[in-house]
Amino acid sequence: MKILLDTHVFIWMASDPDKLSQKATETILDKNNQLYLSSVNLWEITP
């Protein structure tokens, strides 16, 4: 499955994975899924 990560999910995944639900963590770690980021993610986190 193709998964487009929301900005806060991407940040939590990298910095505080305990904030993610068990289902979200399982989905992200599933090797059968392809994770994607949008260019908007970078725009949202740039000061």
N, C-alpha and C. Protein backbone atom coordinates (compact mmCIF):
# COMPACT_ATOMS: atom_id res chain seq x y z
N MET A 1 0.85 -1.16 0.00
CA MET A 1 0.00 0.00 0.00
C MET A 1 0.90 1.24 0.00
N LYS A 2 0.47 2.29 -0.68
CA LYS A 2 1.19 3.56 -0.69
C LYS A 2 0.63 4.43 0.42
N ILE A 3 1.52 4.96 1.25
CA ILE A 3 1.12 5.77 2.40
C ILE A 3 1.75 7.15 2.28
N LEU A 4 0.92 8.20 2.25
CA LEU A 4 1.41 9.57 2.26
C LEU A 4 1.37 10.05 3.71
N LEU A 5 2.56 10.31 4.26
CA LEU A 5 2.64 10.70 5.67
C LEU A 5 2.30 12.18 5.87
N ASP A 6 1.45 12.42 6.84
CA ASP A 6 1.14 13.77 7.26
C ASP A 6 2.38 14.33 7.98
N THR A 7 2.52 15.66 7.99
CA THR A 7 3.70 16.28 8.58
C THR A 7 3.89 15.90 10.04
N HIS A 8 2.83 15.97 10.84
CA HIS A 8 3.01 15.66 12.26
C HIS A 8 3.34 14.19 12.48
N VAL A 9 2.82 13.30 11.65
CA VAL A 9 3.15 11.88 11.77
C VAL A 9 4.63 11.67 11.45
N PHE A 10 5.13 12.32 10.42
CA PHE A 10 6.53 12.23 10.06
C PHE A 10 7.42 12.73 11.21
N ILE A 11 7.06 13.87 11.80
CA ILE A 11 7.85 14.43 12.90
C ILE A 11 7.80 13.51 14.11
N TRP A 12 6.62 13.02 14.46
CA TRP A 12 6.50 12.12 15.61
C TRP A 12 7.25 10.81 15.36
N MET A 13 7.20 10.30 14.15
CA MET A 13 7.90 9.07 13.81
C MET A 13 9.40 9.23 14.08
N ALA A 14 9.94 10.40 13.74
CA ALA A 14 11.37 10.64 13.87
C ALA A 14 11.78 11.06 15.28
N SER A 15 10.91 11.79 15.99
CA SER A 15 11.34 12.37 17.26
C SER A 15 10.67 11.78 18.50
N ASP A 16 9.45 11.32 18.38
CA ASP A 16 8.72 10.83 19.56
C ASP A 16 7.69 9.77 19.14
N PRO A 17 8.16 8.60 18.70
CA PRO A 17 7.25 7.58 18.16
C PRO A 17 6.18 7.09 19.14
N ASP A 18 6.37 7.33 20.44
CA ASP A 18 5.35 6.92 21.41
C ASP A 18 4.05 7.69 21.24
N LYS A 19 4.08 8.82 20.54
CA LYS A 19 2.87 9.60 20.29
C LYS A 19 1.98 8.94 19.23
N LEU A 20 2.55 8.04 18.45
CA LEU A 20 1.79 7.37 17.40
C LEU A 20 0.99 6.21 17.98
N SER A 21 -0.17 5.97 17.40
CA SER A 21 -0.96 4.82 17.83
C SER A 21 -0.26 3.53 17.40
N GLN A 22 -0.67 2.44 18.00
CA GLN A 22 -0.10 1.14 17.64
C GLN A 22 -0.37 0.83 16.17
N LYS A 23 -1.57 1.12 15.72
CA LYS A 23 -1.94 0.87 14.32
C LYS A 23 -1.07 1.70 13.37
N ALA A 24 -0.84 2.97 13.70
CA ALA A 24 0.01 3.83 12.86
C ALA A 24 1.42 3.29 12.81
N THR A 25 1.95 2.88 13.95
CA THR A 25 3.31 2.34 14.01
C THR A 25 3.41 1.07 13.18
N GLU A 26 2.45 0.18 13.31
CA GLU A 26 2.46 -1.06 12.54
C GLU A 26 2.40 -0.77 11.04
N THR A 27 1.58 0.18 10.65
CA THR A 27 1.45 0.54 9.24
C THR A 27 2.75 1.11 8.70
N ILE A 28 3.39 1.98 9.46
CA ILE A 28 4.65 2.60 9.03
C ILE A 28 5.76 1.56 8.93
N LEU A 29 5.80 0.63 9.87
CA LEU A 29 6.88 -0.37 9.90
C LEU A 29 6.65 -1.55 8.94
N ASP A 30 5.45 -1.67 8.40
CA ASP A 30 5.14 -2.77 7.49
C ASP A 30 5.95 -2.62 6.20
N LYS A 31 6.82 -3.57 5.94
CA LYS A 31 7.72 -3.53 4.78
C LYS A 31 6.97 -3.59 3.45
N ASN A 32 5.71 -4.00 3.48
CA ASN A 32 4.91 -4.06 2.26
C ASN A 32 4.35 -2.70 1.84
N ASN A 33 4.45 -1.72 2.75
CA ASN A 33 3.94 -0.39 2.47
C ASN A 33 5.07 0.51 1.95
N GLN A 34 4.71 1.41 1.07
CA GLN A 34 5.65 2.41 0.56
C GLN A 34 5.28 3.74 1.19
N LEU A 35 6.24 4.37 1.90
CA LEU A 35 5.99 5.63 2.57
C LEU A 35 6.42 6.79 1.68
N TYR A 36 5.59 7.82 1.66
CA TYR A 36 5.86 9.00 0.84
C TYR A 36 5.70 10.25 1.67
N LEU A 37 6.47 11.27 1.30
CA LEU A 37 6.34 12.61 1.85
C LEU A 37 6.01 13.55 0.70
N SER A 38 5.24 14.55 1.00
CA SER A 38 4.92 15.57 0.01
C SER A 38 5.93 16.71 0.15
N SER A 39 6.14 17.45 -0.91
CA SER A 39 7.00 18.63 -0.81
C SER A 39 6.39 19.64 0.17
N VAL A 40 5.10 19.56 0.38
CA VAL A 40 4.43 20.43 1.34
C VAL A 40 4.92 20.15 2.76
N ASN A 41 5.28 18.90 3.06
CA ASN A 41 5.81 18.57 4.39
C ASN A 41 7.02 19.46 4.71
N LEU A 42 7.91 19.61 3.75
CA LEU A 42 9.09 20.44 3.98
C LEU A 42 8.72 21.90 4.16
N TRP A 43 7.78 22.36 3.38
CA TRP A 43 7.31 23.75 3.50
C TRP A 43 6.70 23.99 4.88
N GLU A 44 5.94 23.01 5.41
CA GLU A 44 5.28 23.18 6.70
C GLU A 44 6.26 23.22 7.86
N ILE A 45 7.40 22.55 7.76
CA ILE A 45 8.34 22.50 8.89
C ILE A 45 9.49 23.50 8.77
N THR A 46 9.56 24.22 7.66
CA THR A 46 10.62 25.21 7.48
C THR A 46 10.19 26.52 8.13
N PRO A 47 11.08 27.08 8.98
CA PRO A 47 10.70 28.36 9.63
C PRO A 47 10.65 29.51 8.66
